[in-house]
C-alpha cells in the first residue's frame, strides 16, 4: 500500500537531502586537494543521510513530491561526482586497473543514472510507479562501498606513494568495484524492461 504524497518542502527528510547535497559539494572540493581520509568520513556521513531520510519519510509519513525529486537527485550527484573524481585521482596509481575505479566505469555509472532519469519521467507521466527497486538499492550500496574503499586506498597512497595498499583492501575494492559495475548495468536493464512493458501496454 503506497503512502500519500504531500506537497511540503521543509520537513526532516528534505532537509537531510539538502544537507547531503551540501556535504557532497564539500567532498568534491576535498578530493582534488588530496584530503582523502576527510573525504571518506564526510562521504560516509552523506551516504548515511540517504538511509535516514528514506526511513524517516516512510516511518512518519513525510513522503513528498519535492522529496521524490530531490532525494534521487542528491544520490546521483554524490555517486556520479565521487566516481568521476576518484577515477581522475587513481589514473596514475600503482594499483592494478581492475582494482581501481577507472574512467569507463564512471561513464557507465553516469550513463545509467541519465537513462533512469529519462525512464522515470516517461513511466511516471504514463501513470506508472517508478519507486526505487531492490536492485537499485543494492546497486547504491555496492557503489558506496566501492567509492569508500577507493578513498581509503588513496589515503594509503598519499601516506607512501611507493608502497602498494594492503592486500585486504585490494581484494575489498576488487569485489565491490566490480559488484558496483555489474549491478549498475543490471539495474539499468531492469528499468529498461519496466519501461518497455509500459510502452507496449500503452501501445
N, C-alpha and C. Protein backbone atom coordinates (compact mmCIF):
# COMPACT_ATOMS: atom_id res chain seq x y z
N UNK A 1 0.83 -1.20 0.00
CA UNK A 1 0.00 0.00 0.00
C UNK A 1 0.87 1.25 0.00
N UNK A 2 0.75 2.11 -1.00
CA UNK A 2 1.58 3.29 -1.12
C UNK A 2 1.11 4.38 -0.18
N UNK A 3 2.07 5.16 0.29
CA UNK A 3 1.75 6.24 1.19
C UNK A 3 1.31 7.47 0.40
N UNK A 4 0.47 8.32 1.00
CA UNK A 4 0.10 9.56 0.33
C UNK A 4 1.31 10.46 0.15
N UNK A 5 1.33 11.18 -0.96
CA UNK A 5 2.45 12.06 -1.27
C UNK A 5 2.04 13.49 -0.98
N UNK A 6 2.77 14.16 -0.09
CA UNK A 6 2.43 15.52 0.28
C UNK A 6 3.13 16.55 -0.58
N UNK A 7 2.85 17.82 -0.29
CA UNK A 7 3.43 18.92 -1.05
C UNK A 7 4.41 19.76 -0.22
N UNK A 8 4.74 19.31 0.98
CA UNK A 8 5.63 20.08 1.82
C UNK A 8 7.05 20.10 1.24
N UNK A 9 7.75 21.16 1.58
CA UNK A 9 9.16 21.28 1.20
C UNK A 9 10.05 21.16 2.42
N UNK A 10 9.71 21.91 3.47
CA UNK A 10 10.56 21.93 4.66
C UNK A 10 10.11 20.89 5.68
N UNK A 11 10.58 19.68 5.49
CA UNK A 11 10.41 18.65 6.50
C UNK A 11 11.75 17.94 6.70
N UNK A 12 11.81 17.04 7.66
CA UNK A 12 13.09 16.43 8.02
C UNK A 12 13.75 15.70 6.85
N UNK A 13 13.06 14.83 6.10
CA UNK A 13 13.72 14.13 5.00
C UNK A 13 14.29 15.08 3.94
N UNK A 14 13.53 16.12 3.59
CA UNK A 14 14.01 17.04 2.56
C UNK A 14 15.20 17.86 3.05
N UNK A 15 15.18 18.25 4.32
CA UNK A 15 16.33 18.98 4.87
C UNK A 15 17.57 18.09 4.88
N UNK A 16 17.40 16.82 5.23
CA UNK A 16 18.53 15.89 5.20
C UNK A 16 19.08 15.73 3.79
N UNK A 17 18.19 15.70 2.80
CA UNK A 17 18.65 15.61 1.40
C UNK A 17 19.44 16.85 1.02
N UNK A 18 18.98 18.01 1.44
CA UNK A 18 19.71 19.25 1.16
C UNK A 18 21.07 19.26 1.82
N UNK A 19 21.12 18.76 3.07
CA UNK A 19 22.40 18.66 3.76
C UNK A 19 23.33 17.72 3.01
N UNK A 20 22.80 16.60 2.50
CA UNK A 20 23.61 15.66 1.73
C UNK A 20 24.17 16.32 0.48
N UNK A 21 23.39 17.16 -0.15
CA UNK A 21 23.87 17.86 -1.35
C UNK A 21 25.03 18.80 -1.00
N UNK A 22 24.91 19.52 0.11
CA UNK A 22 25.98 20.43 0.54
C UNK A 22 27.24 19.63 0.90
N UNK A 23 27.07 18.53 1.63
CA UNK A 23 28.21 17.70 2.00
C UNK A 23 28.88 17.11 0.76
N UNK A 24 28.09 16.77 -0.24
CA UNK A 24 28.65 16.25 -1.48
C UNK A 24 29.58 17.27 -2.12
N UNK A 25 29.16 18.52 -2.13
CA UNK A 25 30.00 19.58 -2.72
C UNK A 25 31.31 19.74 -1.95
N UNK A 26 31.24 19.60 -0.62
CA UNK A 26 32.46 19.69 0.19
C UNK A 26 33.39 18.51 -0.12
N UNK A 27 32.83 17.32 -0.25
CA UNK A 27 33.62 16.14 -0.62
C UNK A 27 34.31 16.36 -1.97
N UNK A 28 33.58 16.91 -2.93
CA UNK A 28 34.14 17.15 -4.25
C UNK A 28 35.28 18.16 -4.21
N UNK A 29 35.22 19.07 -3.26
CA UNK A 29 36.30 20.05 -3.11
C UNK A 29 37.52 19.43 -2.41
N UNK A 30 37.29 18.50 -1.49
CA UNK A 30 38.37 17.91 -0.71
C UNK A 30 39.20 16.91 -1.50
N UNK A 31 38.56 16.16 -2.40
CA UNK A 31 39.27 15.08 -3.11
C UNK A 31 40.42 15.62 -3.97
N UNK A 32 40.22 16.63 -4.81
CA UNK A 32 41.37 17.15 -5.59
C UNK A 32 42.48 17.73 -4.71
N UNK A 33 42.13 18.14 -3.49
CA UNK A 33 43.13 18.66 -2.55
C UNK A 33 43.84 17.54 -1.81
N UNK A 34 43.47 16.30 -2.11
CA UNK A 34 44.07 15.09 -1.55
C UNK A 34 43.80 14.93 -0.05
N UNK A 35 42.70 15.47 0.41
CA UNK A 35 42.25 15.18 1.77
C UNK A 35 41.35 13.95 1.72
N UNK A 36 41.98 12.81 1.41
CA UNK A 36 41.21 11.61 1.11
C UNK A 36 40.50 11.04 2.34
N UNK A 37 41.17 11.06 3.48
CA UNK A 37 40.55 10.49 4.67
C UNK A 37 39.37 11.35 5.13
N UNK A 38 39.54 12.66 5.10
CA UNK A 38 38.42 13.55 5.43
C UNK A 38 37.28 13.37 4.45
N UNK A 39 37.62 13.19 3.17
CA UNK A 39 36.60 12.95 2.15
C UNK A 39 35.84 11.67 2.44
N UNK A 40 36.57 10.63 2.87
CA UNK A 40 35.94 9.35 3.17
C UNK A 40 34.90 9.49 4.27
N UNK A 41 35.28 10.11 5.38
CA UNK A 41 34.35 10.20 6.52
C UNK A 41 33.16 11.09 6.18
N UNK A 42 33.39 12.16 5.45
CA UNK A 42 32.27 13.01 5.07
C UNK A 42 31.36 12.30 4.08
N UNK A 43 31.96 11.49 3.21
CA UNK A 43 31.16 10.69 2.27
C UNK A 43 30.31 9.67 3.01
N UNK A 44 30.87 9.03 4.04
CA UNK A 44 30.12 8.06 4.84
C UNK A 44 28.91 8.74 5.49
N UNK A 45 29.12 9.92 6.05
CA UNK A 45 28.02 10.65 6.68
C UNK A 45 26.97 11.04 5.65
N UNK A 46 27.43 11.54 4.50
CA UNK A 46 26.49 11.94 3.46
C UNK A 46 25.67 10.76 2.96
N UNK A 47 26.33 9.62 2.73
CA UNK A 47 25.61 8.42 2.27
C UNK A 47 24.65 7.94 3.35
N UNK A 48 25.04 8.10 4.62
CA UNK A 48 24.16 7.68 5.72
C UNK A 48 22.88 8.47 5.78
N UNK A 49 22.93 9.75 5.41
CA UNK A 49 21.71 10.56 5.43
C UNK A 49 20.69 10.05 4.41
N UNK A 50 21.17 9.37 3.36
CA UNK A 50 20.24 8.83 2.37
C UNK A 50 19.36 7.76 3.00
N UNK A 51 19.95 6.92 3.82
CA UNK A 51 19.15 5.88 4.50
C UNK A 51 18.22 6.51 5.53
N UNK A 52 18.74 7.50 6.28
CA UNK A 52 17.95 8.11 7.35
C UNK A 52 16.75 8.85 6.79
N UNK A 53 16.94 9.65 5.72
CA UNK A 53 15.80 10.42 5.21
C UNK A 53 14.73 9.52 4.61
N UNK A 54 15.16 8.41 3.98
CA UNK A 54 14.17 7.47 3.45
C UNK A 54 13.38 6.79 4.55
N UNK A 55 14.10 6.37 5.60
CA UNK A 55 13.42 5.73 6.74
C UNK A 55 12.47 6.72 7.42
N UNK A 56 12.92 7.95 7.61
CA UNK A 56 12.10 8.95 8.29
C UNK A 56 10.84 9.25 7.48
N UNK A 57 10.99 9.39 6.17
CA UNK A 57 9.84 9.71 5.32
C UNK A 57 8.78 8.61 5.38
N UNK A 58 9.22 7.35 5.39
CA UNK A 58 8.27 6.25 5.46
C UNK A 58 7.68 6.09 6.86
N UNK A 59 8.54 6.23 7.86
CA UNK A 59 8.10 6.00 9.24
C UNK A 59 7.09 7.05 9.70
N UNK A 60 7.32 8.30 9.36
CA UNK A 60 6.47 9.39 9.83
C UNK A 60 5.58 9.97 8.73
N UNK A 61 5.46 9.19 7.62
CA UNK A 61 4.57 9.57 6.53
C UNK A 61 4.84 11.00 6.04
N UNK A 62 6.12 11.26 5.73
CA UNK A 62 6.53 12.56 5.23
C UNK A 62 7.06 12.46 3.80
N UNK A 63 6.53 11.52 3.04
CA UNK A 63 6.87 11.42 1.62
C UNK A 63 6.25 12.59 0.88
N UNK A 64 7.06 13.33 0.14
CA UNK A 64 6.56 14.50 -0.59
C UNK A 64 6.99 14.43 -2.05
N UNK A 65 6.28 15.17 -2.88
CA UNK A 65 6.64 15.23 -4.29
C UNK A 65 8.02 15.84 -4.48
N UNK A 66 8.29 16.89 -3.70
CA UNK A 66 9.61 17.53 -3.77
C UNK A 66 10.70 16.55 -3.34
N UNK A 67 10.43 15.78 -2.29
CA UNK A 67 11.41 14.82 -1.83
C UNK A 67 11.68 13.71 -2.83
N UNK A 68 10.65 13.31 -3.56
CA UNK A 68 10.83 12.25 -4.57
C UNK A 68 11.69 12.73 -5.73
N UNK A 69 11.81 14.03 -5.89
CA UNK A 69 12.70 14.59 -6.90
C UNK A 69 14.08 14.87 -6.31
N UNK A 70 14.09 15.49 -5.13
CA UNK A 70 15.35 15.92 -4.52
C UNK A 70 16.21 14.74 -4.09
N UNK A 71 15.62 13.73 -3.46
CA UNK A 71 16.39 12.62 -2.90
C UNK A 71 17.20 11.88 -3.97
N UNK A 72 16.57 11.42 -5.07
CA UNK A 72 17.38 10.73 -6.08
C UNK A 72 18.37 11.66 -6.77
N UNK A 73 18.02 12.95 -6.88
CA UNK A 73 18.96 13.91 -7.48
C UNK A 73 20.23 14.00 -6.64
N UNK A 74 20.07 14.12 -5.32
CA UNK A 74 21.23 14.19 -4.42
C UNK A 74 22.04 12.91 -4.47
N UNK A 75 21.36 11.77 -4.54
CA UNK A 75 22.07 10.48 -4.65
C UNK A 75 22.92 10.44 -5.91
N UNK A 76 22.35 10.87 -7.02
CA UNK A 76 23.06 10.83 -8.30
C UNK A 76 24.25 11.77 -8.30
N UNK A 77 24.07 12.96 -7.76
CA UNK A 77 25.18 13.90 -7.68
C UNK A 77 26.32 13.33 -6.86
N UNK A 78 25.99 12.75 -5.71
CA UNK A 78 27.01 12.20 -4.81
C UNK A 78 27.78 11.07 -5.48
N UNK A 79 27.06 10.09 -6.01
CA UNK A 79 27.73 8.91 -6.58
C UNK A 79 28.47 9.25 -7.87
N UNK A 80 27.82 9.97 -8.77
CA UNK A 80 28.48 10.31 -10.04
C UNK A 80 29.71 11.18 -9.80
N UNK A 81 29.59 12.16 -8.91
CA UNK A 81 30.73 13.02 -8.61
C UNK A 81 31.88 12.25 -8.00
N UNK A 82 31.57 11.36 -7.05
CA UNK A 82 32.62 10.55 -6.42
C UNK A 82 33.34 9.69 -7.46
N UNK A 83 32.57 9.01 -8.31
CA UNK A 83 33.19 8.13 -9.30
C UNK A 83 34.07 8.91 -10.28
N UNK A 84 33.62 10.08 -10.70
CA UNK A 84 34.42 10.89 -11.63
C UNK A 84 35.73 11.31 -10.97
N UNK A 85 35.63 11.89 -9.78
CA UNK A 85 36.82 12.43 -9.12
C UNK A 85 37.79 11.34 -8.69
N UNK A 86 37.26 10.21 -8.21
CA UNK A 86 38.14 9.11 -7.82
C UNK A 86 38.84 8.52 -9.04
N UNK A 87 38.13 8.42 -10.16
CA UNK A 87 38.75 7.92 -11.39
C UNK A 87 39.90 8.82 -11.82
N UNK A 88 39.72 10.12 -11.68
CA UNK A 88 40.80 11.06 -12.01
C UNK A 88 41.98 10.87 -11.07
N UNK A 89 41.72 10.74 -9.77
CA UNK A 89 42.78 10.61 -8.79
C UNK A 89 43.55 9.29 -8.93
N UNK A 90 42.89 8.25 -9.42
CA UNK A 90 43.50 6.92 -9.46
C UNK A 90 44.19 6.62 -10.78
N UNK A 91 44.16 7.55 -11.71
CA UNK A 91 44.65 7.23 -13.05
C UNK A 91 46.15 6.94 -13.10
N UNK A 92 46.93 7.49 -12.18
CA UNK A 92 48.39 7.30 -12.20
C UNK A 92 48.89 6.48 -11.02
N UNK A 93 48.01 5.74 -10.38
CA UNK A 93 48.40 4.98 -9.20
C UNK A 93 48.95 3.61 -9.59
N UNK A 94 49.65 2.98 -8.62
CA UNK A 94 50.34 1.73 -8.92
C UNK A 94 49.42 0.52 -8.79
N UNK A 95 48.25 0.71 -8.24
CA UNK A 95 47.32 -0.41 -8.08
C UNK A 95 46.85 -0.90 -9.45
N UNK A 96 46.65 -2.21 -9.65
CA UNK A 96 46.16 -2.70 -10.94
C UNK A 96 44.81 -2.08 -11.30
N UNK A 97 44.60 -1.87 -12.60
CA UNK A 97 43.40 -1.15 -13.04
C UNK A 97 42.12 -1.84 -12.61
N UNK A 98 42.14 -3.18 -12.53
CA UNK A 98 40.91 -3.91 -12.21
C UNK A 98 40.52 -3.79 -10.73
N UNK A 99 41.39 -3.18 -9.91
CA UNK A 99 41.05 -2.94 -8.50
C UNK A 99 40.92 -1.44 -8.22
N UNK A 100 40.70 -0.67 -9.28
CA UNK A 100 40.52 0.77 -9.14
C UNK A 100 39.28 1.19 -9.92
N UNK A 101 38.78 2.36 -9.59
CA UNK A 101 37.68 2.95 -10.37
C UNK A 101 38.30 3.69 -11.55
N UNK A 102 37.95 3.29 -12.74
CA UNK A 102 38.51 3.89 -13.96
C UNK A 102 37.47 4.78 -14.63
N UNK A 103 37.93 5.50 -15.65
CA UNK A 103 37.05 6.44 -16.34
C UNK A 103 35.84 5.78 -16.97
N UNK A 104 36.04 4.61 -17.59
CA UNK A 104 34.91 3.98 -18.27
C UNK A 104 33.87 3.48 -17.26
N UNK A 105 34.33 3.13 -16.05
CA UNK A 105 33.37 2.75 -15.02
C UNK A 105 32.52 3.95 -14.61
N UNK A 106 33.15 5.11 -14.48
CA UNK A 106 32.40 6.32 -14.17
C UNK A 106 31.40 6.64 -15.26
N UNK A 107 31.78 6.40 -16.52
CA UNK A 107 30.86 6.64 -17.65
C UNK A 107 29.64 5.73 -17.54
N UNK A 108 29.85 4.46 -17.18
CA UNK A 108 28.73 3.52 -17.02
C UNK A 108 27.79 3.99 -15.93
N UNK A 109 28.35 4.43 -14.80
CA UNK A 109 27.52 4.90 -13.69
C UNK A 109 26.71 6.12 -14.11
N UNK A 110 27.36 7.09 -14.75
CA UNK A 110 26.67 8.31 -15.17
C UNK A 110 25.63 7.99 -16.24
N UNK A 111 26.00 7.16 -17.20
CA UNK A 111 25.06 6.80 -18.26
C UNK A 111 23.82 6.12 -17.72
N UNK A 112 24.01 5.23 -16.76
CA UNK A 112 22.86 4.55 -16.15
C UNK A 112 21.94 5.55 -15.45
N UNK A 113 22.52 6.50 -14.72
CA UNK A 113 21.71 7.47 -14.00
C UNK A 113 20.94 8.38 -14.96
N UNK A 114 21.57 8.78 -16.05
CA UNK A 114 20.88 9.60 -17.05
C UNK A 114 19.73 8.82 -17.68
N UNK A 115 20.00 7.54 -17.98
CA UNK A 115 18.97 6.70 -18.57
C UNK A 115 17.78 6.53 -17.63
N UNK A 116 18.06 6.23 -16.36
CA UNK A 116 16.99 6.03 -15.40
C UNK A 116 16.19 7.30 -15.19
N UNK A 117 16.85 8.45 -15.20
CA UNK A 117 16.14 9.72 -15.06
C UNK A 117 15.15 9.91 -16.20
N UNK A 118 15.58 9.59 -17.42
CA UNK A 118 14.70 9.72 -18.58
C UNK A 118 13.54 8.73 -18.49
N UNK A 119 13.85 7.50 -18.09
CA UNK A 119 12.81 6.48 -17.97
C UNK A 119 11.82 6.82 -16.86
N UNK A 120 12.33 7.39 -15.78
CA UNK A 120 11.45 7.80 -14.68
C UNK A 120 10.41 8.81 -15.16
N UNK A 121 10.86 9.78 -15.93
CA UNK A 121 9.95 10.80 -16.45
C UNK A 121 8.89 10.16 -17.34
N UNK A 122 9.30 9.25 -18.20
CA UNK A 122 8.35 8.60 -19.11
C UNK A 122 7.33 7.76 -18.36
N UNK A 123 7.81 6.93 -17.42
CA UNK A 123 6.92 6.00 -16.72
C UNK A 123 5.95 6.74 -15.82
N UNK A 124 6.44 7.74 -15.09
CA UNK A 124 5.54 8.46 -14.18
C UNK A 124 4.54 9.32 -14.94
N UNK A 125 4.91 9.84 -16.10
CA UNK A 125 3.96 10.59 -16.91
C UNK A 125 2.86 9.69 -17.48
N UNK A 126 3.20 8.41 -17.65
CA UNK A 126 2.20 7.48 -18.15
C UNK A 126 1.40 6.83 -17.03
N UNK A 127 1.61 7.30 -15.79
CA UNK A 127 0.83 6.81 -14.67
C UNK A 127 1.42 5.63 -13.95
N UNK A 128 2.64 5.25 -14.28
CA UNK A 128 3.27 4.11 -13.62
C UNK A 128 4.01 4.51 -12.36
N UNK A 129 4.41 3.51 -11.60
CA UNK A 129 5.16 3.71 -10.36
C UNK A 129 6.63 3.46 -10.63
N UNK A 130 7.46 4.44 -10.27
CA UNK A 130 8.90 4.29 -10.51
C UNK A 130 9.67 4.41 -9.20
N UNK A 131 9.14 3.83 -8.16
CA UNK A 131 9.84 3.84 -6.88
C UNK A 131 11.10 2.99 -6.99
N UNK A 132 12.04 3.26 -6.07
CA UNK A 132 13.30 2.53 -6.09
C UNK A 132 13.07 1.03 -5.89
N UNK A 133 13.70 0.23 -6.75
CA UNK A 133 13.61 -1.22 -6.65
C UNK A 133 14.78 -1.76 -5.83
N UNK A 134 14.66 -3.01 -5.40
CA UNK A 134 15.71 -3.61 -4.59
C UNK A 134 17.04 -3.64 -5.35
N UNK A 135 17.00 -3.91 -6.65
CA UNK A 135 18.23 -3.93 -7.44
C UNK A 135 18.91 -2.56 -7.42
N UNK A 136 18.10 -1.50 -7.48
CA UNK A 136 18.65 -0.16 -7.44
C UNK A 136 19.26 0.17 -6.09
N UNK A 137 18.62 -0.29 -5.02
CA UNK A 137 19.15 -0.04 -3.67
C UNK A 137 20.44 -0.82 -3.46
N UNK A 138 20.48 -2.07 -3.93
CA UNK A 138 21.68 -2.88 -3.80
C UNK A 138 22.83 -2.27 -4.59
N UNK A 139 22.51 -1.77 -5.77
CA UNK A 139 23.50 -1.09 -6.60
C UNK A 139 24.10 0.09 -5.86
N UNK A 140 23.26 0.85 -5.18
CA UNK A 140 23.72 2.02 -4.42
C UNK A 140 24.69 1.61 -3.32
N UNK A 141 24.37 0.51 -2.61
CA UNK A 141 25.26 0.04 -1.55
C UNK A 141 26.61 -0.38 -2.12
N UNK A 142 26.60 -1.13 -3.22
CA UNK A 142 27.86 -1.54 -3.85
C UNK A 142 28.69 -0.33 -4.28
N UNK A 143 28.02 0.67 -4.87
CA UNK A 143 28.73 1.87 -5.31
C UNK A 143 29.34 2.61 -4.12
N UNK A 144 28.61 2.69 -3.03
CA UNK A 144 29.11 3.39 -1.85
C UNK A 144 30.33 2.68 -1.27
N UNK A 145 30.27 1.34 -1.17
CA UNK A 145 31.42 0.60 -0.66
C UNK A 145 32.62 0.73 -1.59
N UNK A 146 32.37 0.70 -2.90
CA UNK A 146 33.46 0.85 -3.86
C UNK A 146 34.11 2.22 -3.74
N UNK A 147 33.29 3.27 -3.65
CA UNK A 147 33.82 4.62 -3.53
C UNK A 147 34.57 4.80 -2.21
N UNK A 148 33.99 4.29 -1.12
CA UNK A 148 34.65 4.40 0.18
C UNK A 148 35.97 3.67 0.22
N UNK A 149 36.00 2.45 -0.33
CA UNK A 149 37.23 1.67 -0.35
C UNK A 149 38.33 2.33 -1.15
N UNK A 150 37.98 2.94 -2.26
CA UNK A 150 39.00 3.58 -3.09
C UNK A 150 39.50 4.87 -2.44
N UNK A 151 38.66 5.55 -1.70
CA UNK A 151 39.14 6.72 -0.95
C UNK A 151 40.14 6.31 0.12
N UNK A 152 39.88 5.17 0.78
CA UNK A 152 40.84 4.66 1.75
C UNK A 152 42.15 4.29 1.06
N UNK A 153 42.05 3.65 -0.11
CA UNK A 153 43.25 3.30 -0.87
C UNK A 153 44.05 4.54 -1.23
N UNK A 154 43.37 5.59 -1.63
CA UNK A 154 44.06 6.84 -1.96
C UNK A 154 44.76 7.43 -0.75
N UNK A 155 44.17 7.27 0.42
CA UNK A 155 44.81 7.78 1.63
C UNK A 155 46.11 7.00 1.92
N UNK A 156 46.12 5.69 1.63
CA UNK A 156 47.35 4.90 1.77
C UNK A 156 48.41 5.37 0.79
N UNK A 157 48.00 5.63 -0.45
CA UNK A 157 48.95 6.10 -1.47
C UNK A 157 49.54 7.45 -1.10
N UNK A 158 48.71 8.31 -0.53
CA UNK A 158 49.21 9.62 -0.13
C UNK A 158 50.26 9.48 0.97
N UNK A 159 50.04 8.57 1.91
CA UNK A 159 50.98 8.37 3.01
C UNK A 159 52.32 7.82 2.51
N UNK A 160 52.28 6.92 1.52
CA UNK A 160 53.52 6.32 0.97
C UNK A 160 53.28 5.96 -0.48
N UNK A 161 53.56 6.88 -1.41
CA UNK A 161 53.26 6.66 -2.84
C UNK A 161 53.99 5.45 -3.43
N UNK A 162 55.12 5.05 -2.86
CA UNK A 162 55.89 3.95 -3.42
C UNK A 162 55.42 2.59 -2.96
N UNK A 163 54.53 2.55 -2.00
CA UNK A 163 54.11 1.27 -1.44
C UNK A 163 52.67 0.95 -1.85
N UNK A 164 52.42 -0.31 -2.16
CA UNK A 164 51.07 -0.74 -2.53
C UNK A 164 50.18 -0.75 -1.30
N UNK A 165 48.89 -0.65 -1.53
CA UNK A 165 47.94 -0.68 -0.42
C UNK A 165 47.89 -2.11 0.13
N UNK A 166 47.38 -2.30 1.35
CA UNK A 166 47.27 -3.66 1.92
C UNK A 166 46.46 -4.58 1.01
N UNK A 167 46.83 -5.85 1.01
CA UNK A 167 46.17 -6.80 0.12
C UNK A 167 44.69 -6.94 0.43
N UNK A 168 44.32 -6.83 1.72
CA UNK A 168 42.90 -6.96 2.07
C UNK A 168 42.08 -5.85 1.44
N UNK A 169 42.67 -4.64 1.37
CA UNK A 169 41.96 -3.52 0.77
C UNK A 169 41.85 -3.68 -0.74
N UNK A 170 42.89 -4.24 -1.35
CA UNK A 170 42.84 -4.51 -2.79
C UNK A 170 41.73 -5.48 -3.12
N UNK A 171 41.61 -6.55 -2.34
CA UNK A 171 40.55 -7.54 -2.57
C UNK A 171 39.17 -6.95 -2.27
N UNK A 172 39.10 -6.12 -1.23
CA UNK A 172 37.84 -5.44 -0.89
C UNK A 172 37.39 -4.58 -2.07
N UNK A 173 38.30 -3.77 -2.59
CA UNK A 173 37.96 -2.89 -3.71
C UNK A 173 37.65 -3.68 -4.98
N UNK A 174 38.42 -4.75 -5.20
CA UNK A 174 38.18 -5.59 -6.37
C UNK A 174 36.75 -6.12 -6.38
N UNK A 175 36.30 -6.61 -5.23
CA UNK A 175 34.95 -7.17 -5.15
C UNK A 175 33.89 -6.09 -5.34
N UNK A 176 33.97 -5.02 -4.57
CA UNK A 176 32.90 -4.03 -4.57
C UNK A 176 32.88 -3.16 -5.83
N UNK A 177 34.04 -2.91 -6.40
CA UNK A 177 34.05 -2.14 -7.65
C UNK A 177 33.34 -2.90 -8.75
N UNK A 178 33.67 -4.18 -8.89
CA UNK A 178 33.03 -4.96 -9.96
C UNK A 178 31.58 -5.30 -9.63
N UNK A 179 31.28 -5.47 -8.36
CA UNK A 179 29.88 -5.64 -7.96
C UNK A 179 29.09 -4.39 -8.30
N UNK A 180 29.70 -3.20 -8.09
CA UNK A 180 29.04 -1.95 -8.42
C UNK A 180 28.80 -1.82 -9.92
N UNK A 181 29.81 -2.18 -10.72
CA UNK A 181 29.67 -2.08 -12.18
C UNK A 181 28.59 -3.03 -12.69
N UNK A 182 28.65 -4.28 -12.25
CA UNK A 182 27.68 -5.28 -12.72
C UNK A 182 26.27 -4.93 -12.27
N UNK A 183 26.11 -4.54 -11.00
CA UNK A 183 24.77 -4.20 -10.51
C UNK A 183 24.24 -2.93 -11.15
N UNK A 184 25.14 -2.01 -11.50
CA UNK A 184 24.71 -0.79 -12.20
C UNK A 184 24.12 -1.14 -13.56
N UNK A 185 24.82 -2.00 -14.29
CA UNK A 185 24.32 -2.43 -15.61
C UNK A 185 23.02 -3.21 -15.45
N UNK A 186 23.00 -4.15 -14.49
CA UNK A 186 21.83 -5.00 -14.31
C UNK A 186 20.60 -4.19 -13.92
N UNK A 187 20.75 -3.25 -12.98
CA UNK A 187 19.59 -2.46 -12.57
C UNK A 187 19.12 -1.56 -13.70
N UNK A 188 20.07 -1.09 -14.53
CA UNK A 188 19.67 -0.31 -15.69
C UNK A 188 18.84 -1.13 -16.66
N UNK A 189 19.24 -2.37 -16.88
CA UNK A 189 18.48 -3.27 -17.76
C UNK A 189 17.09 -3.52 -17.19
N UNK A 190 17.01 -3.69 -15.87
CA UNK A 190 15.71 -3.92 -15.23
C UNK A 190 14.76 -2.75 -15.48
N UNK A 191 15.26 -1.53 -15.36
CA UNK A 191 14.42 -0.36 -15.58
C UNK A 191 14.02 -0.24 -17.06
N UNK A 192 14.90 -0.64 -17.95
CA UNK A 192 14.55 -0.64 -19.38
C UNK A 192 13.40 -1.61 -19.64
N UNK A 193 13.44 -2.77 -19.00
CA UNK A 193 12.36 -3.74 -19.16
C UNK A 193 11.03 -3.19 -18.66
N UNK A 194 11.07 -2.50 -17.51
CA UNK A 194 9.85 -1.90 -16.97
C UNK A 194 9.29 -0.87 -17.95
N UNK A 195 10.18 -0.04 -18.50
CA UNK A 195 9.74 0.99 -19.44
C UNK A 195 9.17 0.37 -20.71
N UNK A 196 9.80 -0.69 -21.19
CA UNK A 196 9.30 -1.35 -22.40
C UNK A 196 7.92 -1.96 -22.17
N UNK A 197 7.70 -2.54 -20.99
CA UNK A 197 6.38 -3.09 -20.68
C UNK A 197 5.32 -2.00 -20.67
N UNK A 198 5.67 -0.86 -20.07
CA UNK A 198 4.72 0.26 -20.06
C UNK A 198 4.45 0.77 -21.47
N UNK A 199 5.51 0.82 -22.28
CA UNK A 199 5.36 1.30 -23.65
C UNK A 199 4.49 0.37 -24.47
N UNK A 200 4.71 -0.95 -24.33
CA UNK A 200 3.91 -1.91 -25.08
C UNK A 200 2.47 -1.91 -24.59
N UNK A 201 2.28 -1.74 -23.27
CA UNK A 201 0.93 -1.72 -22.73
C UNK A 201 0.16 -0.50 -23.24
N UNK A 202 0.83 0.65 -23.28
CA UNK A 202 0.15 1.86 -23.75
C UNK A 202 -0.12 1.80 -25.24
N UNK A 203 0.73 1.06 -25.98
CA UNK A 203 0.52 0.94 -27.41
C UNK A 203 -0.66 0.02 -27.73
